[in-house]
PDB file of N, CA and C in Angstrom:
ATOM      1  N   MET A   1     -12.234 -14.222   7.723  1.00  0.00           N
ATOM      2  CA  MET A   1     -10.852 -13.809   7.542  1.00  0.00           C
ATOM      3  C   MET A   1     -10.703 -12.925   6.311  1.00  0.00           C
ATOM      4  N   TRP A   2     -11.403 -13.298   5.249  1.00  0.00           N
ATOM      5  CA  TRP A   2     -11.312 -12.506   4.035  1.00  0.00           C
ATOM      6  C   TRP A   2     -11.819 -11.093   4.278  1.00  0.00           C
ATOM      7  N   GLY A   3     -12.904 -10.963   5.043  1.00  0.00           N
ATOM      8  CA  GLY A   3     -13.440  -9.639   5.370  1.00  0.00           C
ATOM      9  C   GLY A   3     -12.432  -8.803   6.131  1.00  0.00           C
ATOM     10  N   ALA A   4     -11.755  -9.432   7.096  1.00  0.00           N
ATOM     11  CA  ALA A   4     -10.734  -8.711   7.864  1.00  0.00           C
ATOM     12  C   ALA A   4      -9.589  -8.278   6.962  1.00  0.00           C
ATOM     13  N   LEU A   5      -9.195  -9.159   6.050  1.00  0.00           N
ATOM     14  CA  LEU A   5      -8.122  -8.838   5.116  1.00  0.00           C
ATOM     15  C   LEU A   5      -8.508  -7.656   4.234  1.00  0.00           C
ATOM     16  N   CYS A   6      -9.742  -7.667   3.725  1.00  0.00           N
ATOM     17  CA  CYS A   6     -10.216  -6.552   2.889  1.00  0.00           C
ATOM     18  C   CYS A   6     -10.259  -5.250   3.683  1.00  0.00           C
ATOM     19  N   GLU A   7     -10.657  -5.339   4.942  1.00  0.00           N
ATOM     20  CA  GLU A   7     -10.702  -4.143   5.787  1.00  0.00           C
ATOM     21  C   GLU A   7      -9.300  -3.572   5.995  1.00  0.00           C
ATOM     22  N   TRP A   8      -8.322  -4.449   6.253  1.00  0.00           N
ATOM     23  CA  TRP A   8      -6.943  -3.983   6.425  1.00  0.00           C
ATOM     24  C   TRP A   8      -6.436  -3.301   5.157  1.00  0.00           C
ATOM     25  N   LEU A   9      -6.777  -3.888   4.013  1.00  0.00           N
ATOM     26  CA  LEU A   9      -6.312  -3.307   2.748  1.00  0.00           C
ATOM     27  C   LEU A   9      -6.916  -1.937   2.503  1.00  0.00           C
ATOM     28  N   THR A  10      -8.183  -1.731   2.893  1.00  0.00           N
ATOM     29  CA  THR A  10      -8.800  -0.418   2.672  1.00  0.00           C
ATOM     30  C   THR A  10      -8.213   0.635   3.600  1.00  0.00           C
ATOM     31  N   GLN A  11      -7.704   0.227   4.766  1.00  0.00           N
ATOM     32  CA  GLN A  11      -7.102   1.173   5.708  1.00  0.00           C
ATOM     33  C   GLN A  11      -5.623   1.405   5.432  1.00  0.00           C
ATOM     34  N   PHE A  12      -5.062   0.635   4.533  1.00  0.00           N
ATOM     35  CA  PHE A  12      -3.632   0.698   4.236  1.00  0.00           C
ATOM     36  C   PHE A  12      -3.283   2.003   3.549  1.00  0.00           C
ATOM     37  N   SER A  13      -2.180   2.632   3.998  1.00  0.00           N
ATOM     38  CA  SER A  13      -1.686   3.873   3.417  1.00  0.00           C
ATOM     39  C   SER A  13      -0.248   3.656   2.955  1.00  0.00           C
ATOM     40  N   LEU A  14       0.021   3.976   1.687  1.00  0.00           N
ATOM     41  CA  LEU A  14       1.375   3.780   1.162  1.00  0.00           C
ATOM     42  C   LEU A  14       2.406   4.659   1.850  1.00  0.00           C
ATOM     43  N   GLY A  15       1.954   5.735   2.474  1.00  0.00           N
ATOM     44  CA  GLY A  15       2.897   6.653   3.093  1.00  0.00           C
ATOM     45  C   GLY A  15       3.444   6.183   4.433  1.00  0.00           C
ATOM     46  N   SER A  16       2.879   5.144   5.006  1.00  0.00           N
ATOM     47  CA  SER A  16       3.290   4.724   6.340  1.00  0.00           C
ATOM     48  C   SER A  16       3.912   3.341   6.309  1.00  0.00           C
ATOM     49  N   LEU A  17       5.206   3.264   6.594  1.00  0.00           N
ATOM     50  CA  LEU A  17       5.909   1.989   6.597  1.00  0.00           C
ATOM     51  C   LEU A  17       5.489   1.134   7.792  1.00  0.00           C
ATOM     52  N   ASP A  18       5.180   1.770   8.935  1.00  0.00           N
ATOM     53  CA  ASP A  18       4.732   1.011  10.110  1.00  0.00           C
ATOM     54  C   ASP A  18       3.426   0.283   9.826  1.00  0.00           C
ATOM     55  N   ILE A  19       2.479   0.980   9.210  1.00  0.00           N
ATOM     56  CA  ILE A  19       1.201   0.349   8.870  1.00  0.00           C
ATOM     57  C   ILE A  19       1.444  -0.767   7.862  1.00  0.00           C
ATOM     58  N   PHE A  20       2.354  -0.540   6.931  1.00  0.00           N
ATOM     59  CA  PHE A  20       2.684  -1.564   5.941  1.00  0.00           C
ATOM     60  C   PHE A  20       3.217  -2.819   6.619  1.00  0.00           C
ATOM     61  N   GLU A  21       4.121  -2.656   7.565  1.00  0.00           N
ATOM     62  CA  GLU A  21       4.685  -3.811   8.264  1.00  0.00           C
ATOM     63  C   GLU A  21       3.624  -4.523   9.093  1.00  0.00           C
ATOM     64  N   ASP A  22       2.721  -3.748   9.727  1.00  0.00           N
ATOM     65  CA  ASP A  22       1.609  -4.356  10.480  1.00  0.00           C
ATOM     66  C   ASP A  22       0.706  -5.144   9.548  1.00  0.00           C
ATOM     67  N   LEU A  23       0.420  -4.554   8.391  1.00  0.00           N
ATOM     68  CA  LEU A  23      -0.432  -5.225   7.409  1.00  0.00           C
ATOM     69  C   LEU A  23       0.222  -6.519   6.929  1.00  0.00           C
ATOM     70  N   GLU A  24       1.498  -6.454   6.623  1.00  0.00           N
ATOM     71  CA  GLU A  24       2.213  -7.641   6.154  1.00  0.00           C
ATOM     72  C   GLU A  24       2.184  -8.749   7.207  1.00  0.00           C
ATOM     73  N   SER A  25       2.411  -8.374   8.454  1.00  0.00           N
ATOM     74  CA  SER A  25       2.397  -9.355   9.547  1.00  0.00           C
ATOM     75  C   SER A  25       1.009  -9.960   9.727  1.00  0.00           C
ATOM     76  N   SER A  26      -0.017  -9.128   9.681  1.00  0.00           N
ATOM     77  CA  SER A  26      -1.387  -9.613   9.849  1.00  0.00           C
ATOM     78  C   SER A  26      -1.787 -10.552   8.727  1.00  0.00           C
ATOM     79  N   ILE A  27      -1.465 -10.185   7.505  1.00  0.00           N
ATOM     80  CA  ILE A  27      -1.807 -11.034   6.358  1.00  0.00           C
ATOM     81  C   ILE A  27      -1.050 -12.352   6.438  1.00  0.00           C
ATOM     82  N   ALA A  28       0.224 -12.288   6.806  1.00  0.00           N
ATOM     83  CA  ALA A  28       1.015 -13.519   6.916  1.00  0.00           C
ATOM     84  C   ALA A  28       0.426 -14.458   7.959  1.00  0.00           C
ATOM     85  N   SER A  29      -0.004 -13.923   9.100  1.00  0.00           N
ATOM     86  CA  SER A  29      -0.584 -14.796  10.132  1.00  0.00           C
ATOM     87  C   SER A  29      -1.927 -15.365   9.690  1.00  0.00           C
ATOM     88  N   ASN A  30      -2.723 -14.563   8.995  1.00  0.00           N
ATOM     89  CA  ASN A  30      -4.010 -15.073   8.493  1.00  0.00           C
ATOM     90  C   ASN A  30      -3.805 -16.145   7.430  1.00  0.00           C
ATOM     91  N   LEU A  31      -2.853 -15.937   6.550  1.00  0.00           N
ATOM     92  CA  LEU A  31      -2.579 -16.945   5.524  1.00  0.00           C
ATOM     93  C   LEU A  31      -2.071 -18.237   6.159  1.00  0.00           C
ATOM     94  N   GLU A  32      -1.293 -18.099   7.210  1.00  0.00           N
ATOM     95  CA  GLU A  32      -0.805 -19.285   7.918  1.00  0.00           C
ATOM     96  C   GLU A  32      -1.972 -20.068   8.533  1.00  0.00           C
ATOM     97  N   GLU A  33      -2.942 -19.349   9.094  1.00  0.00           N
ATOM     98  CA  GLU A  33      -4.126 -20.014   9.655  1.00  0.00           C
ATOM     99  C   GLU A  33      -4.910 -20.746   8.563  1.00  0.00           C
ATOM    100  N   ILE A  34      -5.046 -20.116   7.411  1.00  0.00           N
ATOM    101  CA  ILE A  34      -5.767 -20.747   6.299  1.00  0.00           C
ATOM    102  C   ILE A  34      -5.022 -21.991   5.829  1.00  0.00           C
ATOM    103  N   ARG A  35      -3.685 -21.910   5.744  1.00  0.00           N
ATOM    104  CA  ARG A  35      -2.891 -23.080   5.342  1.00  0.00           C
ATOM    105  C   ARG A  35      -3.063 -24.235   6.337  1.00  0.00           C
ATOM    106  N   LYS A  36      -3.107 -23.913   7.630  1.00  0.00           N
ATOM    107  CA  LYS A  36      -3.276 -24.947   8.658  1.00  0.00           C
ATOM    108  C   LYS A  36      -4.608 -25.676   8.518  1.00  0.00           C
ATOM    109  N   MET A  37      -5.653 -24.933   8.134  1.00  0.00           N
ATOM    110  CA  MET A  37      -6.969 -25.562   7.958  1.00  0.00           C
ATOM    111  C   MET A  37      -6.975 -26.522   6.781  1.00  0.00           C
ATOM    112  N   ASP A  38      -6.120 -26.253   5.803  1.00  0.00           N
ATOM    113  CA  ASP A  38      -5.974 -27.117   4.627  1.00  0.00           C
ATOM    114  C   ASP A  38      -7.310 -27.423   3.941  1.00  0.00           C
ATOM    115  N   ILE A  39      -8.140 -26.389   3.812  1.00  0.00           N
ATOM    116  CA  ILE A  39      -9.436 -26.564   3.150  1.00  0.00           C
ATOM    117  C   ILE A  39      -9.333 -26.198   1.666  1.00  0.00           C
ATOM    118  N   ILE A  40      -8.625 -25.089   1.395  1.00  0.00           N
ATOM    119  CA  ILE A  40      -8.462 -24.647   0.000  1.00  0.00           C
ATOM    120  C   ILE A  40      -6.979 -24.420  -0.285  1.00  0.00           C
ATOM    121  N   ASP A  41      -6.649 -24.487  -1.569  1.00  0.00           N
ATOM    122  CA  ASP A  41      -5.275 -24.220  -2.008  1.00  0.00           C
ATOM    123  C   ASP A  41      -5.133 -22.713  -2.226  1.00  0.00           C
ATOM    124  N   ILE A  42      -4.300 -22.091  -1.420  1.00  0.00           N
ATOM    125  CA  ILE A  42      -4.110 -20.642  -1.534  1.00  0.00           C
ATOM    126  C   ILE A  42      -2.748 -20.283  -2.115  1.00  0.00           C
ATOM    127  N   SER A  43      -2.093 -21.242  -2.735  1.00  0.00           N
ATOM    128  CA  SER A  43      -0.728 -20.993  -3.219  1.00  0.00           C
ATOM    129  C   SER A  43      -0.681 -19.858  -4.244  1.00  0.00           C
ATOM    130  N   ALA A  44      -1.650 -19.793  -5.158  1.00  0.00           N
ATOM    131  CA  ALA A  44      -1.655 -18.716  -6.157  1.00  0.00           C
ATOM    132  C   ALA A  44      -1.868 -17.361  -5.481  1.00  0.00           C
ATOM    133  N   PHE A  45      -2.799 -17.331  -4.526  1.00  0.00           N
ATOM    134  CA  PHE A  45      -3.059 -16.096  -3.789  1.00  0.00           C
ATOM    135  C   PHE A  45      -1.831 -15.718  -2.958  1.00  0.00           C
ATOM    136  N   ASP A  46      -1.222 -16.707  -2.341  1.00  0.00           N
ATOM    137  CA  ASP A  46      -0.021 -16.497  -1.530  1.00  0.00           C
ATOM    138  C   ASP A  46       1.095 -15.878  -2.373  1.00  0.00           C
ATOM    139  N   ASP A  47       1.261 -16.369  -3.615  1.00  0.00           N
ATOM    140  CA  ASP A  47       2.281 -15.815  -4.517  1.00  0.00           C
ATOM    141  C   ASP A  47       1.979 -14.361  -4.862  1.00  0.00           C
ATOM    142  N   LEU A  48       0.700 -14.055  -5.093  1.00  0.00           N
ATOM    143  CA  LEU A  48       0.316 -12.679  -5.418  1.00  0.00           C
ATOM    144  C   LEU A  48       0.575 -11.739  -4.243  1.00  0.00           C
ATOM    145  N   VAL A  49       0.248 -12.199  -3.044  1.00  0.00           N
ATOM    146  CA  VAL A  49       0.500 -11.385  -1.850  1.00  0.00           C
ATOM    147  C   VAL A  49       2.003 -11.158  -1.675  1.00  0.00           C
ATOM    148  N   GLU A  50       2.781 -12.202  -1.862  1.00  0.00           N
ATOM    149  CA  GLU A  50       4.233 -12.080  -1.745  1.00  0.00           C
ATOM    150  C   GLU A  50       4.781 -11.098  -2.778  1.00  0.00           C
ATOM    151  N   ASP A  51       4.298 -11.182  -4.019  1.00  0.00           N
ATOM    152  CA  ASP A  51       4.720 -10.244  -5.064  1.00  0.00           C
ATOM    153  C   ASP A  51       4.351  -8.809  -4.708  1.00  0.00           C
ATOM    154  N   PHE A  52       3.151  -8.639  -4.122  1.00  0.00           N
ATOM    155  CA  PHE A  52       2.712  -7.306  -3.714  1.00  0.00           C
ATOM    156  C   PHE A  52       3.695  -6.714  -2.705  1.00  0.00           C
ATOM    157  N   PHE A  53       4.053  -7.490  -1.679  1.00  0.00           N
ATOM    158  CA  PHE A  53       4.952  -6.981  -0.652  1.00  0.00           C
ATOM    159  C   PHE A  53       6.354  -6.732  -1.198  1.00  0.00           C
ATOM    160  N   LYS A  54       6.818  -7.563  -2.114  1.00  0.00           N
ATOM    161  CA  LYS A  54       8.124  -7.324  -2.740  1.00  0.00           C
ATOM    162  C   LYS A  54       8.087  -6.038  -3.554  1.00  0.00           C
ATOM    163  N   SER A  55       7.011  -5.858  -4.322  1.00  0.00           N
ATOM    164  CA  SER A  55       6.878  -4.657  -5.152  1.00  0.00           C
ATOM    165  C   SER A  55       6.839  -3.399  -4.297  1.00  0.00           C
ATOM    166  N   TYR A  56       6.081  -3.463  -3.196  1.00  0.00           N
ATOM    167  CA  TYR A  56       6.002  -2.287  -2.339  1.00  0.00           C
ATOM    168  C   TYR A  56       7.357  -1.982  -1.710  1.00  0.00           C
ATOM    169  N   THR A  57       8.076  -2.993  -1.278  1.00  0.00           N
ATOM    170  CA  THR A  57       9.392  -2.787  -0.680  1.00  0.00           C
ATOM    171  C   THR A  57      10.337  -2.137  -1.685  1.00  0.00           C
ATOM    172  N   GLU A  58      10.311  -2.608  -2.929  1.00  0.00           N
ATOM    173  CA  GLU A  58      11.151  -2.012  -3.977  1.00  0.00           C
ATOM    174  C   GLU A  58      10.722  -0.576  -4.258  1.00  0.00           C
ATOM    175  N   TYR A  59       9.396  -0.355  -4.321  1.00  0.00           N
ATOM    176  CA  TYR A  59       8.867   0.999  -4.549  1.00  0.00           C
ATOM    177  C   TYR A  59       9.322   1.938  -3.436  1.00  0.00           C
ATOM    178  N   ASP A  60       9.200   1.489  -2.182  1.00  0.00           N
ATOM    179  CA  ASP A  60       9.562   2.323  -1.045  1.00  0.00           C
ATOM    180  C   ASP A  60      11.047   2.665  -1.071  1.00  0.00           C
ATOM    181  N   ALA A  61      11.882   1.677  -1.445  1.00  0.00           N
ATOM    182  CA  ALA A  61      13.322   1.931  -1.528  1.00  0.00           C
ATOM    183  C   ALA A  61      13.626   2.965  -2.614  1.00  0.00           C
ATOM    184  N   LEU A  62      12.968   2.846  -3.762  1.00  0.00           N
ATOM    185  CA  LEU A  62      13.185   3.818  -4.843  1.00  0.00           C
ATOM    186  C   LEU A  62      12.663   5.196  -4.455  1.00  0.00           C
ATOM    187  N   ARG A  63      11.502   5.218  -3.816  1.00  0.00           N
ATOM    188  CA  ARG A  63      10.907   6.491  -3.417  1.00  0.00           C
ATOM    189  C   ARG A  63      11.803   7.195  -2.413  1.00  0.00           C
ATOM    190  N   SER A  64      12.378   6.438  -1.491  1.00  0.00           N
ATOM    191  CA  SER A  64      13.247   7.019  -0.468  1.00  0.00           C
ATOM    192  C   SER A  64      14.540   7.557  -1.069  1.00  0.00           C
ATOM    193  N   SER A  65      15.071   6.885  -2.087  1.00  0.00           N
ATOM    194  CA  SER A  65      16.352   7.291  -2.646  1.00  0.00           C
ATOM    195  C   SER A  65      16.221   8.292  -3.782  1.00  0.00           C
ATOM    196  N   LYS A  66      15.032   8.481  -4.284  1.00  0.00           N
ATOM    197  CA  LYS A  66      14.841   9.367  -5.426  1.00  0.00           C
ATOM    198  C   LYS A  66      14.946  10.832  -4.999  1.00  0.00           C
ATOM    199  N   MET A  67      15.657  11.610  -5.775  1.00  0.00           N
ATOM    200  CA  MET A  67      15.794  13.031  -5.493  1.00  0.00           C
ATOM    201  C   MET A  67      14.514  13.764  -5.873  1.00  0.00           C
ATOM    202  N   THR A  68      14.192  14.767  -5.102  1.00  0.00           N
ATOM    203  CA  THR A  68      13.085  15.623  -5.493  1.00  0.00           C
ATOM    204  C   THR A  68      13.595  16.568  -6.581  1.00  0.00           C
ATOM    205  N   LYS A  69      12.682  17.180  -7.266  1.00  0.00           N
ATOM    206  CA  LYS A  69      13.060  18.094  -8.340  1.00  0.00           C
ATOM    207  C   LYS A  69      13.892  19.256  -7.783  1.00  0.00           C
ATOM    208  N   GLU A  70      13.476  19.759  -6.612  1.00  0.00           N
ATOM    209  CA  GLU A  70      14.184  20.883  -6.014  1.00  0.00           C
ATOM    210  C   GLU A  70      15.606  20.498  -5.604  1.00  0.00           C
ATOM    211  N   SER A  71      15.762  19.322  -4.983  1.00  0.00           N
ATOM    212  CA  SER A  71      17.109  18.932  -4.560  1.00  0.00           C
ATOM    213  C   SER A  71      17.991  18.631  -5.766  1.00  0.00           C
ATOM    214  N   HIS A  72      17.386  18.108  -6.832  1.00  0.00           N
ATOM    215  CA  HIS A  72      18.141  17.865  -8.065  1.00  0.00           C
ATOM    216  C   HIS A  72      18.618  19.189  -8.645  1.00  0.00           C
ATOM    217  N   GLU A  73      17.709  20.181  -8.707  1.00  0.00           N
ATOM    218  CA  GLU A  73      18.080  21.497  -9.239  1.00  0.00           C
ATOM    219  C   GLU A  73      19.164  22.144  -8.381  1.00  0.00           C
ATOM    220  N   LYS A  74      19.057  21.987  -7.055  1.00  0.00           N
ATOM    221  CA  LYS A  74      20.062  22.552  -6.162  1.00  0.00           C
ATOM    222  C   LYS A  74      21.414  21.877  -6.382  1.00  0.00           C
ATOM    223  N   SER A  75      21.404  20.567  -6.552  1.00  0.00           N
ATOM    224  CA  SER A  75      22.654  19.840  -6.798  1.00  0.00           C
ATOM    225  C   SER A  75      23.285  20.276  -8.111  1.00  0.00           C
ATOM    226  N   VAL A  76      22.462  20.437  -9.143  1.00  0.00           N
ATOM    227  CA  VAL A  76      22.970  20.888 -10.442  1.00  0.00           C
ATOM    228  C   VAL A  76      23.532  22.308 -10.317  1.00  0.00           C
ATOM    229  N   SER A  77      22.817  23.167  -9.578  1.00  0.00           N
ATOM    230  CA  SER A  77      23.281  24.541  -9.387  1.00  0.00           C
ATOM    231  C   SER A  77      24.609  24.573  -8.637  1.00  0.00           C
ATOM    232  N   ASN A  78      24.726  23.768  -7.583  1.00  0.00           N
ATOM    233  CA  ASN A  78      25.986  23.702  -6.834  1.00  0.00           C
ATOM    234  C   ASN A  78      27.119  23.196  -7.713  1.00  0.00           C
ATOM    235  N   ALA A  79      26.844  22.176  -8.509  1.00  0.00           N
ATOM    236  CA  ALA A  79      27.865  21.636  -9.402  1.00  0.00           C
ATOM    237  C   ALA A  79      28.293  22.696 -10.418  1.00  0.00           C
ATOM    238  N   GLN A  80      27.321  23.458 -10.934  1.00  0.00           N
ATOM    239  CA  GLN A  80      27.633  24.516 -11.907  1.00  0.00           C
ATOM    240  C   GLN A  80      28.493  25.597 -11.253  1.00  0.00           C
ATOM    241  N   GLN A  81      28.183  25.951 -10.001  1.00  0.00           N
ATOM    242  CA  GLN A  81      28.986  26.958  -9.294  1.00  0.00           C
ATOM    243  C   GLN A  81      30.416  26.467  -9.090  1.00  0.00           C
ATOM    244  N   HIS A  82      30.566  25.199  -8.715  1.00  0.00           N
ATOM    245  CA  HIS A  82      31.908  24.647  -8.548  1.00  0.00           C
ATOM    246  C   HIS A  82      32.661  24.631  -9.878  1.00  0.00           C
ATOM    247  N   LEU A  83      31.954  24.296 -10.946  1.00  0.00           N
ATOM    248  CA  LEU A  83      32.567  24.285 -12.269  1.00  0.00           C
ATOM    249  C   LEU A  83      32.990  25.687 -12.680  1.00  0.00           C
ATOM    250  N   ASP A  84      32.129  26.681 -12.429  1.00  0.00           N
ATOM    251  CA  ASP A  84      32.468  28.066 -12.760  1.00  0.00           C
ATOM    252  C   ASP A  84      33.667  28.548 -11.943  1.00  0.00           C
ATOM    253  N   SER A  85      33.694  28.190 -10.656  1.00  0.00           N
ATOM    254  CA  SER A  85      34.827  28.575  -9.798  1.00  0.00           C
ATOM    255  C   SER A  85      36.119  27.937 -10.295  1.00  0.00           C
ATOM    256  N   ALA A  86      36.046  26.677 -10.656  1.00  0.00           N
ATOM    257  CA  ALA A  86      37.234  25.990 -11.174  1.00  0.00           C
ATOM    258  C   ALA A  86      37.693  26.626 -12.480  1.00  0.00           C
ATOM    259  N   LYS A  87      36.736  27.023 -13.319  1.00  0.00           N
ATOM    260  CA  LYS A  87      37.082  27.674 -14.597  1.00  0.00           C
ATOM    261  C   LYS A  87      37.784  29.000 -14.338  1.00  0.00           C
ATOM    262  N   LEU A  88      37.280  29.785 -13.382  1.00  0.00           N
ATOM    263  CA  LEU A  88      37.928  31.065 -13.049  1.00  0.00           C
ATOM    264  C   LEU A  88      39.335  30.855 -12.515  1.00  0.00           C
ATOM    265  N   GLU A  89      39.494  29.862 -11.637  1.00  0.00           N
ATOM    266  CA  GLU A  89      40.824  29.558 -11.103  1.00  0.00           C
ATOM    267  C   GLU A  89      41.777  29.137 -12.212  1.00  0.00           C
ATOM    268  N   TYR A  90      41.273  28.334 -13.155  1.00  0.00           N
ATOM    269  CA  TYR A  90      42.100  27.906 -14.281  1.00  0.00           C
ATOM    270  C   TYR A  90      42.514  29.110 -15.126  1.00  0.00           C
ATOM    271  N   GLU A  91      41.550  30.024 -15.376  1.00  0.00           N
ATOM    272  CA  GLU A  91      41.867  31.208 -16.171  1.00  0.00           C
ATOM    273  C   GLU A  91      42.911  32.074 -15.471  1.00  0.00           C
ATOM    274  N   LYS A  92      42.788  32.217 -14.150  1.00  0.00           N
ATOM    275  CA  LYS A  92      43.791  32.984 -13.389  1.00  0.00           C
ATOM    276  C   LYS A  92      45.156  32.304 -13.483  1.00  0.00           C
ATOM    277  N   LEU A  93      45.163  31.001 -13.294  1.00  0.00           N
ATOM    278  CA  LEU A  93      46.402  30.252 -13.360  1.00  0.00           C
ATOM    279  C   LEU A  93      47.001  30.319 -14.759  1.00  0.00           C
ATOM    280  N   ASP A  94      46.146  30.221 -15.769  1.00  0.00           N
ATOM    281  CA  ASP A  94      46.613  30.284 -17.149  1.00  0.00           C
ATOM    282  C   ASP A  94      47.211  31.666 -17.431  1.00  0.00           C
ATOM    283  N   GLY A  95      46.565  32.731 -16.922  1.00  0.00           N
ATOM    284  CA  GLY A  95      47.097  34.093 -17.085  1.00  0.00           C
ATOM    285  C   GLY A  95      48.427  34.245 -16.370  1.00  0.00           C
ATOM    286  N   SER A  96      48.523  33.714 -15.163  1.00  0.00           N
ATOM    287  CA  SER A  96      49.783  33.783 -14.410  1.00  0.00           C
ATOM    288  C   SER A  96      50.877  33.008 -15.122  1.00  0.00           C
ATOM    289  N   MET A  97      50.499  31.865 -15.673  1.00  0.00           N
ATOM    290  CA  MET A  97      51.472  31.051 -16.396  1.00  0.00           C
ATOM    291  C   MET A  97      51.965  31.796 -17.632  1.00  0.00           C
ATOM    292  N   GLY A  98      51.068  32.499 -18.325  1.00  0.00           N
ATOM    293  CA  GLY A  98      51.469  33.298 -19.494  1.00  0.00           C
ATOM    294  C   GLY A  98      52.452  34.391 -19.108  1.00  0.00           C
ATOM    295  N   LYS A  99      52.168  35.068 -17.984  1.00  0.00           N
ATOM    296  CA  LYS A  99      53.065  36.116 -17.502  1.00  0.00           C
ATOM    297  C   LYS A  99      54.416  35.517 -17.099  1.00  0.00           C
ATOM    298  N   PHE A 100      54.367  34.370 -16.437  1.00  0.00           N
ATOM    299  CA  PHE A 100      55.593  33.697 -16.010  1.00  0.00           C
ATOM    300  C   PHE A 100      56.434  33.304 -17.221  1.00  0.00           C
ATOM    301  N   GLN A 101      55.797  32.792 -18.266  1.00  0.00           N
ATOM    302  CA  GLN A 101      56.534  32.391 -19.469  1.00  0.00           C
ATOM    303  C   GLN A 101      57.141  33.609 -20.165  1.00  0.00           C
ATOM    304  N   ALA A 102      56.418  34.730 -20.183  1.00  0.00           N
ATOM    305  CA  ALA A 102      56.959  35.958 -20.783  1.00  0.00           C
ATOM    306  C   ALA A 102      58.165  36.456 -19.988  1.00  0.00           C
ATOM    307  N   THR A 103      58.052  36.412 -18.673  1.00  0.00           N
ATOM    308  CA  THR A 103      59.170  36.821 -17.813  1.00  0.00           C
ATOM    309  C   THR A 103      60.358  35.895 -18.012  1.00  0.00           C
ATOM    310  N   LEU A 104      60.107  34.594 -18.084  1.00  0.00           N
ATOM    311  CA  LEU A 104      61.170  33.621 -18.306  1.00  0.00           C
ATOM    312  C   LEU A 104      61.855  33.866 -19.653  1.00  0.00           C
ATOM    313  N   ALA A 105      61.086  34.173 -20.684  1.00  0.00           N
ATOM    314  CA  ALA A 105      61.675  34.460 -22.002  1.00  0.00           C
ATOM    315  C   ALA A 105      62.568  35.695 -21.930  1.00  0.00           C
ATOM    316  N   ASP A 106      62.106  36.731 -21.180  1.00  0.00           N
ATOM    317  CA  ASP A 106      62.923  37.940 -21.026  1.00  0.00           C
ATOM    318  C   ASP A 106      64.221  37.636 -20.280  1.00  0.00           C
ATOM    319  N   VAL A 107      64.137  36.818 -19.234  1.00  0.00           N
ATOM    320  CA  VAL A 107      65.327  36.457 -18.460  1.00  0.00           C
ATOM    321  C   VAL A 107      66.288  35.661 -19.334  1.00  0.00           C
ATOM    322  N   GLU A 108      65.780  34.741 -20.154  1.00  0.00           N
ATOM    323  CA  GLU A 108      66.644  33.960 -21.043  1.00  0.00           C
ATOM    324  C   GLU A 108      67.339  34.871 -22.050  1.00  0.00           C
ATOM    325  N   LYS A 109      66.606  35.880 -22.563  1.00  0.00           N
ATOM    326  CA  LYS A 109      67.246  36.826 -23.491  1.00  0.00           C
ATOM    327  C   LYS A 109      68.347  37.597 -22.792  1.00  0.00           C
ATOM    328  N   ASP A 110      68.036  38.072 -21.556  1.00  0.00           N
ATOM    329  CA  ASP A 110      69.059  38.795 -20.796  1.00  0.00           C
ATOM    330  C   ASP A 110      70.282  37.917 -20.506  1.00  0.00           C
ATOM    331  N   LEU A 111      70.019  36.676 -20.218  1.00  0.00           N
ATOM    332  CA  LEU A 111      71.106  35.731 -19.956  1.00  0.00           C
ATOM    333  C   LEU A 111      71.964  35.525 -21.188  1.00  0.00           C
ATOM    334  N   GLU A 112      71.329  35.436 -22.352  1.00  0.00           N
ATOM    335  CA  GLU A 112      72.072  35.298 -23.605  1.00  0.00           C
ATOM    336  C   GLU A 112      72.941  36.530 -23.866  1.00  0.00           C
ATOM    337  N   VAL A 113      72.380  37.694 -23.614  1.00  0.00           N
ATOM    338  CA  VAL A 113      73.129  38.916 -23.819  1.00  0.00           C
ATOM    339  C   VAL A 113      74.329  38.974 -22.864  1.00  0.00           C
ATOM    340  N   LEU A 114      74.116  38.601 -21.639  1.00  0.00           N
ATOM    341  CA  LEU A 114      75.193  38.618 -20.657  1.00  0.00           C
ATOM    342  C   LEU A 114      76.274  37.578 -20.978  1.00  0.00           C
ATOM    343  N   THR A 115      75.885  36.429 -21.479  1.00  0.00           N
ATOM    344  CA  THR A 115      76.871  35.408 -21.775  1.00  0.00           C
ATOM    345  C   THR A 115      77.643  35.711 -23.057  1.00  0.00           C
ATOM    346  N   SER A 116      77.067  36.481 -23.927  1.00  0.00           N
ATOM    347  CA  SER A 116      77.822  36.800 -25.131  1.00  0.00           C
ATOM    348  C   SER A 116      78.597  38.044 -24.883  1.00  0.00           C
TER     349      SER A 116
END
């Protein structure tokens, strides 16, 4: 059984989740057979195997969710473009508001002249 387990581990590829699940299932069934024989205590080994599978699952989740450098740069570039567009719109609005306030001041002066 140990030889078969070592063979599975040498064929294991981190890039394939299907092979990982097959490996996990095979190891679990072999460990169950060893436990049934009750010849040796494999609890320490069992804990190490369990930790290995937990670590790989966490690694795979992080690897899947992690942005590549290119996608990160693209996201930053898109965000910068949106920020620049918003800045231009604000500047246009600010300029229009300045013109509106100047026009309003002129109208108020005209109104004062007319009322007096």
